[in-house]
Amino acid sequence: MTTTEPTGRLLEVSEIQLRYGNGAVGVSDVSLTVDAGQVVALIGPNGAGKTSTVRSISGFLPIEGAKVARGRVTLDGEDVTNSSPHQLSRHGIAFVPERQKIFPNLTIRDNLLAVGHAPGRAERAAREKHVFELFPELADRVREQAGRLSGGQRQMLALARAVMSSPRLLIVDEMTLGLHHSLQPRLFRAVRQMAQSGTAVILVDESTGLNLDVADYCYLIGGGVVRAEGPPQLLRDGDVIANVYVEG
């Protein structure tokens, strides 16, 4: 599989405000940047605006009946604000949502092949090889129905499906939600491997936990604004995080 070396700034979100059809404001002022090959953690309490922010990047914001009313989203310097998921997928953005991540009635292999773009046979084989290097647990079970997988294996398959599209930016919402803590390091190792191949990754999570260990840079969101940002060690201050989570 052809990998992309990090080449600098990939994504820039500039002072976006998200507004709903009834006029209500969701996210009021969020700015963030992501470089190629960088892992960025977007953390904050439930309802802080994390998922809405990444939906504005991936094109799924209309699901909430909202749009970017102010500010802009740029990819490689190109304004992609309020673009559709299909358009953004073509730009190399893959989004793994919190729910409905796989097709349980399809086999693992058919899940992997059910991506938006159909590459040639050689490229498809190369991508499969890369996926099974990331998640060897899936390699021997390609003919099994995905619905038979454990929760952790389903999450691996969801990530594998996204990797099959060869994204430049992978966004994962609540990757470890509901998973036993013993499985989480395995998923985070795969994320680091993706980043090493040049893929930028945004991890969205309500908890801090291992996100601060795997991330290169973190944004703490509360009340629809960025409350703090910096390398992980700067966000290990319990008072900073506690204040945001208490205030919501």
C-alpha atoms as a PDB file:
ATOM      1  CA  MET A   1       0.000   0.000   0.000  1.00  0.00           C
ATOM      2  CA  THR A   2       1.239   3.458  -0.856  1.00  0.00           C
ATOM      3  CA  THR A   3       1.679   5.615   2.232  1.00  0.00           C
ATOM      4  CA  THR A   4       1.881   9.361   2.461  1.00  0.00           C
ATOM      5  CA  GLU A   5       4.659  11.084   4.337  1.00  0.00           C
ATOM      6  CA  PRO A   6       3.599  13.964   6.590  1.00  0.00           C
ATOM      7  CA  THR A   7       3.749  17.192   4.645  1.00  0.00           C
ATOM      8  CA  GLY A   8       2.576  19.822   7.147  1.00  0.00           C
ATOM      9  CA  ARG A   9      -0.769  21.495   7.778  1.00  0.00           C
ATOM     10  CA  LEU A  10      -3.682  19.405   6.512  1.00  0.00           C
ATOM     11  CA  LEU A  11      -6.792  20.740   8.245  1.00  0.00           C
ATOM     12  CA  GLU A  12      -7.663  24.119   9.681  1.00  0.00           C
ATOM     13  CA  VAL A  13     -10.914  24.936  11.455  1.00  0.00           C
ATOM     14  CA  SER A  14     -11.181  28.688  11.957  1.00  0.00           C
ATOM     15  CA  GLU A  15     -13.553  30.225  14.516  1.00  0.00           C
ATOM     16  CA  ILE A  16     -16.558  28.181  13.473  1.00  0.00           C
ATOM     17  CA  GLN A  17     -20.028  28.775  14.831  1.00  0.00           C
ATOM     18  CA  LEU A  18     -22.654  26.095  14.267  1.00  0.00           C
ATOM     19  CA  ARG A  19     -26.269  27.165  14.029  1.00  0.00           C
ATOM     20  CA  TYR A  20     -29.427  25.058  13.925  1.00  0.00           C
ATOM     21  CA  GLY A  21     -32.464  25.615  11.739  1.00  0.00           C
ATOM     22  CA  ASN A  22     -34.379  27.129  14.656  1.00  0.00           C
ATOM     23  CA  GLY A  23     -31.632  29.714  15.133  1.00  0.00           C
ATOM     24  CA  ALA A  24     -30.069  28.119  18.204  1.00  0.00           C
ATOM     25  CA  VAL A  25     -26.282  28.184  18.396  1.00  0.00           C
ATOM     26  CA  GLY A  26     -24.475  24.919  19.062  1.00  0.00           C
ATOM     27  CA  VAL A  27     -20.724  25.311  18.912  1.00  0.00           C
ATOM     28  CA  SER A  28     -20.033  29.021  19.267  1.00  0.00           C
ATOM     29  CA  ASP A  29     -16.304  29.432  18.629  1.00  0.00           C
ATOM     30  CA  VAL A  30     -13.944  26.551  17.860  1.00  0.00           C
ATOM     31  CA  SER A  31     -10.597  26.720  16.099  1.00  0.00           C
ATOM     32  CA  LEU A  32      -8.194  23.826  15.645  1.00  0.00           C
ATOM     33  CA  THR A  33      -5.509  22.559  13.303  1.00  0.00           C
ATOM     34  CA  VAL A  34      -4.318  19.105  12.322  1.00  0.00           C
ATOM     35  CA  ASP A  35      -1.073  18.276  10.540  1.00  0.00           C
ATOM     36  CA  ALA A  36      -0.444  15.239   8.353  1.00  0.00           C
ATOM     37  CA  GLY A  37       0.564  12.251  10.481  1.00  0.00           C
ATOM     38  CA  GLN A  38      -0.577  13.954  13.695  1.00  0.00           C
ATOM     39  CA  VAL A  39      -2.902  12.458  16.308  1.00  0.00           C
ATOM     40  CA  VAL A  40      -5.166  15.102  17.821  1.00  0.00           C
ATOM     41  CA  ALA A  41      -7.454  14.395  20.790  1.00  0.00           C
ATOM     42  CA  LEU A  42     -10.684  16.348  21.110  1.00  0.00           C
ATOM     43  CA  ILE A  43     -11.936  15.853  24.649  1.00  0.00           C
ATOM     44  CA  GLY A  44     -14.609  17.324  26.867  1.00  0.00           C
ATOM     45  CA  PRO A  45     -17.801  16.496  28.763  1.00  0.00           C
ATOM     46  CA  ASN A  46     -20.971  15.192  27.165  1.00  0.00           C
ATOM     47  CA  GLY A  47     -22.723  17.961  25.233  1.00  0.00           C
ATOM     48  CA  ALA A  48     -19.592  20.096  24.949  1.00  0.00           C
ATOM     49  CA  GLY A  49     -19.760  20.256  21.142  1.00  0.00           C
ATOM     50  CA  LYS A  50     -17.114  17.677  20.238  1.00  0.00           C
ATOM     51  CA  THR A  51     -19.229  15.534  17.930  1.00  0.00           C
ATOM     52  CA  SER A  52     -20.814  18.572  16.282  1.00  0.00           C
ATOM     53  CA  THR A  53     -17.348  19.944  15.595  1.00  0.00           C
ATOM     54  CA  VAL A  54     -16.117  16.800  13.853  1.00  0.00           C
ATOM     55  CA  ARG A  55     -19.380  16.475  11.948  1.00  0.00           C
ATOM     56  CA  SER A  56     -18.699  19.937  10.565  1.00  0.00           C
ATOM     57  CA  ILE A  57     -15.349  18.610   9.331  1.00  0.00           C
ATOM     58  CA  SER A  58     -16.716  15.352   7.892  1.00  0.00           C
ATOM     59  CA  GLY A  59     -19.874  16.781   6.317  1.00  0.00           C
ATOM     60  CA  PHE A  60     -22.399  15.061   8.590  1.00  0.00           C
ATOM     61  CA  LEU A  61     -23.556  18.195  10.399  1.00  0.00           C
ATOM     62  CA  PRO A  62     -26.937  18.261   8.562  1.00  0.00           C
ATOM     63  CA  ILE A  63     -27.821  15.113  10.571  1.00  0.00           C
ATOM     64  CA  GLU A  64     -28.250  17.525  13.485  1.00  0.00           C
ATOM     65  CA  GLY A  65     -30.162  20.020  11.345  1.00  0.00           C
ATOM     66  CA  ALA A  66     -27.256  22.434  11.601  1.00  0.00           C
ATOM     67  CA  LYS A  67     -24.641  24.126   9.431  1.00  0.00           C
ATOM     68  CA  VAL A  68     -21.509  26.218   9.797  1.00  0.00           C
ATOM     69  CA  ALA A  69     -22.897  29.746  10.057  1.00  0.00           C
ATOM     70  CA  ARG A  70     -19.610  31.518  10.684  1.00  0.00           C
ATOM     71  CA  GLY A  71     -15.946  30.704  10.226  1.00  0.00           C
ATOM     72  CA  ARG A  72     -14.603  28.114   7.836  1.00  0.00           C
ATOM     73  CA  VAL A  73     -13.096  24.671   7.416  1.00  0.00           C
ATOM     74  CA  THR A  74     -10.124  24.336   5.062  1.00  0.00           C
ATOM     75  CA  LEU A  75      -8.340  21.234   3.818  1.00  0.00           C
ATOM     76  CA  ASP A  76      -4.963  21.761   2.169  1.00  0.00           C
ATOM     77  CA  GLY A  77      -5.882  25.445   2.061  1.00  0.00           C
ATOM     78  CA  GLU A  78      -9.109  24.782   0.134  1.00  0.00           C
ATOM     79  CA  ASP A  79     -12.354  26.000   1.687  1.00  0.00           C
ATOM     80  CA  VAL A  80     -14.574  22.935   2.237  1.00  0.00           C
ATOM     81  CA  THR A  81     -17.046  24.540   4.654  1.00  0.00           C
ATOM     82  CA  ASN A  82     -20.472  22.861   4.572  1.00  0.00           C
ATOM     83  CA  SER A  83     -19.345  20.373   1.928  1.00  0.00           C
ATOM     84  CA  SER A  84     -21.174  17.036   1.712  1.00  0.00           C
ATOM     85  CA  PRO A  85     -19.809  13.778   3.158  1.00  0.00           C
ATOM     86  CA  HIS A  86     -19.318  12.484  -0.388  1.00  0.00           C
ATOM     87  CA  GLN A  87     -17.255  15.529  -1.373  1.00  0.00           C
ATOM     88  CA  LEU A  88     -15.152  15.326   1.777  1.00  0.00           C
ATOM     89  CA  SER A  89     -14.623  11.606   1.321  1.00  0.00           C
ATOM     90  CA  ARG A  90     -13.202  12.404  -2.096  1.00  0.00           C
ATOM     91  CA  HIS A  91     -10.836  14.807  -0.350  1.00  0.00           C
ATOM     92  CA  GLY A  92      -9.602  11.948   1.840  1.00  0.00           C
ATOM     93  CA  ILE A  93     -11.636  12.363   5.031  1.00  0.00           C
ATOM     94  CA  ALA A  94     -13.013   9.221   6.706  1.00  0.00           C
ATOM     95  CA  PHE A  95     -15.378   9.359   9.671  1.00  0.00           C
ATOM     96  CA  VAL A  96     -16.034   6.508  12.118  1.00  0.00           C
ATOM     97  CA  PRO A  97     -19.174   7.499  14.053  1.00  0.00           C
ATOM     98  CA  GLU A  98     -20.072   6.527  17.586  1.00  0.00           C
ATOM     99  CA  ARG A  99     -22.824   4.180  16.361  1.00  0.00           C
ATOM    100  CA  GLN A 100     -23.754   2.197  13.229  1.00  0.00           C
ATOM    101  CA  LYS A 101     -20.117   1.522  12.370  1.00  0.00           C
ATOM    102  CA  ILE A 102     -20.382  -1.820  10.562  1.00  0.00           C
ATOM    103  CA  PHE A 103     -22.817  -3.993   8.620  1.00  0.00           C
ATOM    104  CA  PRO A 104     -23.477  -6.896  11.031  1.00  0.00           C
ATOM    105  CA  ASN A 105     -25.156  -9.119   8.427  1.00  0.00           C
ATOM    106  CA  LEU A 106     -22.208  -8.931   6.024  1.00  0.00           C
ATOM    107  CA  THR A 107     -18.958 -10.844   6.315  1.00  0.00           C
ATOM    108  CA  ILE A 108     -15.833  -9.106   7.500  1.00  0.00           C
ATOM    109  CA  ARG A 109     -14.467  -9.069   3.957  1.00  0.00           C
ATOM    110  CA  ASP A 110     -17.680  -7.633   2.513  1.00  0.00           C
ATOM    111  CA  ASN A 111     -17.584  -4.925   5.181  1.00  0.00           C
ATOM    112  CA  LEU A 112     -14.074  -4.046   4.066  1.00  0.00           C
ATOM    113  CA  LEU A 113     -15.129  -3.901   0.433  1.00  0.00           C
ATOM    114  CA  ALA A 114     -18.156  -1.719   1.181  1.00  0.00           C
ATOM    115  CA  VAL A 115     -16.243   1.547   0.930  1.00  0.00           C
ATOM    116  CA  GLY A 116     -17.218   4.561  -1.109  1.00  0.00           C
ATOM    117  CA  HIS A 117     -14.502   4.251  -3.736  1.00  0.00           C
ATOM    118  CA  ALA A 118     -13.694   1.008  -5.522  1.00  0.00           C
ATOM    119  CA  PRO A 119      -9.945   0.839  -6.208  1.00  0.00           C
ATOM    120  CA  GLY A 120      -8.416  -1.527  -8.738  1.00  0.00           C
ATOM    121  CA  ARG A 121      -7.737  -5.110  -7.747  1.00  0.00           C
ATOM    122  CA  ALA A 122      -4.044  -4.590  -6.989  1.00  0.00           C
ATOM    123  CA  GLU A 123      -4.670  -1.492  -4.866  1.00  0.00           C
ATOM    124  CA  ARG A 124      -7.537  -3.197  -3.062  1.00  0.00           C
ATOM    125  CA  ALA A 125      -5.296  -6.158  -2.234  1.00  0.00           C
ATOM    126  CA  ALA A 126      -2.592  -3.799  -0.966  1.00  0.00           C
ATOM    127  CA  ARG A 127      -5.087  -2.000   1.259  1.00  0.00           C
ATOM    128  CA  GLU A 128      -6.387  -5.291   2.645  1.00  0.00           C
ATOM    129  CA  LYS A 129      -2.835  -6.343   3.427  1.00  0.00           C
ATOM    130  CA  HIS A 130      -2.267  -3.077   5.279  1.00  0.00           C
ATOM    131  CA  VAL A 131      -5.527  -3.510   7.203  1.00  0.00           C
ATOM    132  CA  PHE A 132      -4.615  -7.027   8.309  1.00  0.00           C
ATOM    133  CA  GLU A 133      -1.189  -5.821   9.400  1.00  0.00           C
ATOM    134  CA  LEU A 134      -2.966  -3.317  11.637  1.00  0.00           C
ATOM    135  CA  PHE A 135      -5.581  -5.818  12.812  1.00  0.00           C
ATOM    136  CA  PRO A 136      -4.313  -9.400  12.401  1.00  0.00           C
ATOM    137  CA  GLU A 137      -7.215 -10.509  14.610  1.00  0.00           C
ATOM    138  CA  LEU A 138      -9.507 -10.044  11.597  1.00  0.00           C
ATOM    139  CA  ALA A 139      -7.356 -11.791   9.004  1.00  0.00           C
ATOM    140  CA  ASP A 140      -8.418 -15.356   9.823  1.00  0.00           C
ATOM    141  CA  ARG A 141     -12.097 -14.480  10.136  1.00  0.00           C
ATOM    142  CA  VAL A 142     -12.803 -12.698   6.861  1.00  0.00           C
ATOM    143  CA  ARG A 143     -15.656 -15.076   5.957  1.00  0.00           C
ATOM    144  CA  GLU A 144     -17.441 -14.710   9.292  1.00  0.00           C
ATOM    145  CA  GLN A 145     -20.443 -12.464   9.768  1.00  0.00           C
ATOM    146  CA  ALA A 146     -19.451  -9.207  11.412  1.00  0.00           C
ATOM    147  CA  GLY A 147     -22.354  -9.528  13.831  1.00  0.00           C
ATOM    148  CA  ARG A 148     -20.542 -12.388  15.564  1.00  0.00           C
ATOM    149  CA  LEU A 149     -17.587 -10.235  16.540  1.00  0.00           C
ATOM    150  CA  SER A 150     -16.988  -8.969  20.061  1.00  0.00           C
ATOM    151  CA  GLY A 151     -17.292  -5.274  20.826  1.00  0.00           C
ATOM    152  CA  GLY A 152     -13.552  -4.741  20.528  1.00  0.00           C
ATOM    153  CA  GLN A 153     -13.362  -6.663  17.270  1.00  0.00           C
ATOM    154  CA  ARG A 154     -16.260  -4.650  15.856  1.00  0.00           C
ATOM    155  CA  GLN A 155     -14.368  -1.475  16.633  1.00  0.00           C
ATOM    156  CA  MET A 156     -11.309  -2.897  14.895  1.00  0.00           C
ATOM    157  CA  LEU A 157     -13.476  -3.654  11.861  1.00  0.00           C
ATOM    158  CA  ALA A 158     -14.927  -0.144  11.886  1.00  0.00           C
ATOM    159  CA  LEU A 159     -11.426   1.307  11.858  1.00  0.00           C
ATOM    160  CA  ALA A 160     -10.348  -1.202   9.215  1.00  0.00           C
ATOM    161  CA  ARG A 161     -13.245  -0.167   6.954  1.00  0.00           C
ATOM    162  CA  ALA A 162     -12.158   3.449   7.234  1.00  0.00           C
ATOM    163  CA  VAL A 163      -8.535   2.565   6.488  1.00  0.00           C
ATOM    164  CA  MET A 164      -9.677   0.740   3.331  1.00  0.00           C
ATOM    165  CA  SER A 165     -10.575   4.138   1.867  1.00  0.00           C
ATOM    166  CA  SER A 166      -6.921   5.180   2.313  1.00  0.00           C
ATOM    167  CA  PRO A 167      -7.819   8.400   4.143  1.00  0.00           C
ATOM    168  CA  ARG A 168      -5.551  11.346   4.733  1.00  0.00           C
ATOM    169  CA  LEU A 169      -7.622  12.313   7.780  1.00  0.00           C
ATOM    170  CA  LEU A 170      -9.395   9.754   9.964  1.00  0.00           C
ATOM    171  CA  ILE A 171     -11.927  10.990  12.519  1.00  0.00           C
ATOM    172  CA  VAL A 172     -13.045   8.531  15.210  1.00  0.00           C
ATOM    173  CA  ASP A 173     -15.894   9.416  17.565  1.00  0.00           C
ATOM    174  CA  GLU A 174     -15.837   7.664  20.971  1.00  0.00           C
ATOM    175  CA  MET A 175     -13.516   4.862  19.889  1.00  0.00           C
ATOM    176  CA  THR A 176     -13.384   3.189  23.302  1.00  0.00           C
ATOM    177  CA  LEU A 177     -16.993   3.709  24.390  1.00  0.00           C
ATOM    178  CA  GLY A 178     -18.295   0.578  26.093  1.00  0.00           C
ATOM    179  CA  LEU A 179     -15.065  -1.365  25.615  1.00  0.00           C
ATOM    180  CA  HIS A 180     -13.210  -3.102  28.423  1.00  0.00           C
ATOM    181  CA  HIS A 181     -10.163  -1.086  29.449  1.00  0.00           C
ATOM    182  CA  SER A 182      -7.880  -4.002  28.569  1.00  0.00           C
ATOM    183  CA  LEU A 183      -8.789  -3.624  24.873  1.00  0.00           C
ATOM    184  CA  GLN A 184      -8.126   0.090  24.642  1.00  0.00           C
ATOM    185  CA  PRO A 185      -4.303   0.011  24.356  1.00  0.00           C
ATOM    186  CA  ARG A 186      -4.642  -2.328  21.365  1.00  0.00           C
ATOM    187  CA  LEU A 187      -6.761   0.206  19.481  1.00  0.00           C
ATOM    188  CA  PHE A 188      -4.528   3.115  20.406  1.00  0.00           C
ATOM    189  CA  ARG A 189      -1.474   1.242  19.114  1.00  0.00           C
ATOM    190  CA  ALA A 190      -3.229   0.855  15.774  1.00  0.00           C
ATOM    191  CA  VAL A 191      -3.933   4.592  15.731  1.00  0.00           C
ATOM    192  CA  ARG A 192      -0.248   5.341  16.257  1.00  0.00           C
ATOM    193  CA  GLN A 193       0.627   2.987  13.402  1.00  0.00           C
ATOM    194  CA  MET A 194      -1.783   4.829  11.123  1.00  0.00           C
ATOM    195  CA  ALA A 195      -0.206   8.134  12.048  1.00  0.00           C
ATOM    196  CA  GLN A 196       3.263   6.775  11.355  1.00  0.00           C
ATOM    197  CA  SER A 197       2.134   5.971   7.807  1.00  0.00           C
ATOM    198  CA  GLY A 198       1.112   9.614   7.325  1.00  0.00           C
ATOM    199  CA  THR A 199      -2.590   9.511   8.189  1.00  0.00           C
ATOM    200  CA  ALA A 200      -3.795  12.319  10.437  1.00  0.00           C
ATOM    201  CA  VAL A 201      -6.189  11.175  13.171  1.00  0.00           C
ATOM    202  CA  ILE A 202      -8.722  13.044  15.302  1.00  0.00           C
ATOM    203  CA  LEU A 203      -9.886  11.104  18.369  1.00  0.00           C
ATOM    204  CA  VAL A 204     -13.073  12.329  20.028  1.00  0.00           C
ATOM    205  CA  ASP A 205     -13.737  11.168  23.563  1.00  0.00           C
ATOM    206  CA  GLU A 206     -15.547  12.221  26.701  1.00  0.00           C
ATOM    207  CA  SER A 207     -12.815  10.775  28.893  1.00  0.00           C
ATOM    208  CA  THR A 208      -9.144  11.651  28.863  1.00  0.00           C
ATOM    209  CA  GLY A 209      -7.512   8.348  29.795  1.00  0.00           C
ATOM    210  CA  LEU A 210      -5.246   6.941  27.133  1.00  0.00           C
ATOM    211  CA  ASN A 211      -6.127   9.717  24.698  1.00  0.00           C
ATOM    212  CA  LEU A 212      -3.500  11.854  26.397  1.00  0.00           C
ATOM    213  CA  ASP A 213      -0.958   9.070  25.978  1.00  0.00           C
ATOM    214  CA  VAL A 214      -1.517   8.510  22.267  1.00  0.00           C
ATOM    215  CA  ALA A 215      -2.138  12.105  21.144  1.00  0.00           C
ATOM    216  CA  ASP A 216       0.416  14.602  19.894  1.00  0.00           C
ATOM    217  CA  TYR A 217      -1.850  17.554  20.666  1.00  0.00           C
ATOM    218  CA  CYS A 218      -5.101  18.007  22.587  1.00  0.00           C
ATOM    219  CA  TYR A 219      -8.072  20.344  22.580  1.00  0.00           C
ATOM    220  CA  LEU A 220     -10.353  20.564  25.607  1.00  0.00           C
ATOM    221  CA  ILE A 221     -13.851  21.708  24.640  1.00  0.00           C
ATOM    222  CA  GLY A 222     -16.524  22.927  27.012  1.00  0.00           C
ATOM    223  CA  GLY A 223     -19.696  24.866  26.335  1.00  0.00           C
ATOM    224  CA  GLY A 224     -19.064  24.991  22.598  1.00  0.00           C
ATOM    225  CA  VAL A 225     -15.661  26.683  22.813  1.00  0.00           C
ATOM    226  CA  VAL A 226     -12.048  25.558  23.145  1.00  0.00           C
ATOM    227  CA  ARG A 227     -11.253  25.963  26.833  1.00  0.00           C
ATOM    228  CA  ALA A 228      -7.650  24.750  26.706  1.00  0.00           C
ATOM    229  CA  GLU A 229      -5.210  23.323  24.191  1.00  0.00           C
ATOM    230  CA  GLY A 230      -1.664  22.086  24.048  1.00  0.00           C
ATOM    231  CA  PRO A 231       0.514  18.979  24.139  1.00  0.00           C
ATOM    232  CA  PRO A 232      -0.843  16.204  26.377  1.00  0.00           C
ATOM    233  CA  GLN A 233       1.374  17.037  29.338  1.00  0.00           C
ATOM    234  CA  LEU A 234      -0.203  20.486  29.620  1.00  0.00           C
ATOM    235  CA  LEU A 235      -3.666  18.958  29.947  1.00  0.00           C
ATOM    236  CA  ARG A 236      -2.691  16.589  32.732  1.00  0.00           C
ATOM    237  CA  ASP A 237      -3.444  19.387  35.168  1.00  0.00           C
ATOM    238  CA  GLY A 238      -6.409  17.949  37.031  1.00  0.00           C
ATOM    239  CA  ASP A 239      -7.763  21.385  37.930  1.00  0.00           C
ATOM    240  CA  VAL A 240      -7.967  22.500  34.282  1.00  0.00           C
ATOM    241  CA  ILE A 241      -9.911  19.420  33.234  1.00  0.00           C
ATOM    242  CA  ALA A 242     -12.069  19.316  36.374  1.00  0.00           C
ATOM    243  CA  ASN A 243     -13.222  22.908  35.914  1.00  0.00           C
ATOM    244  CA  VAL A 244     -14.375  22.237  32.353  1.00  0.00           C
ATOM    245  CA  TYR A 245     -16.171  19.013  33.265  1.00  0.00           C
ATOM    246  CA  VAL A 246     -17.913  20.598  36.240  1.00  0.00           C
ATOM    247  CA  GLU A 247     -19.064  23.602  34.218  1.00  0.00           C
ATOM    248  CA  GLY A 248     -20.006  21.405  31.186  1.00  0.00           C
END
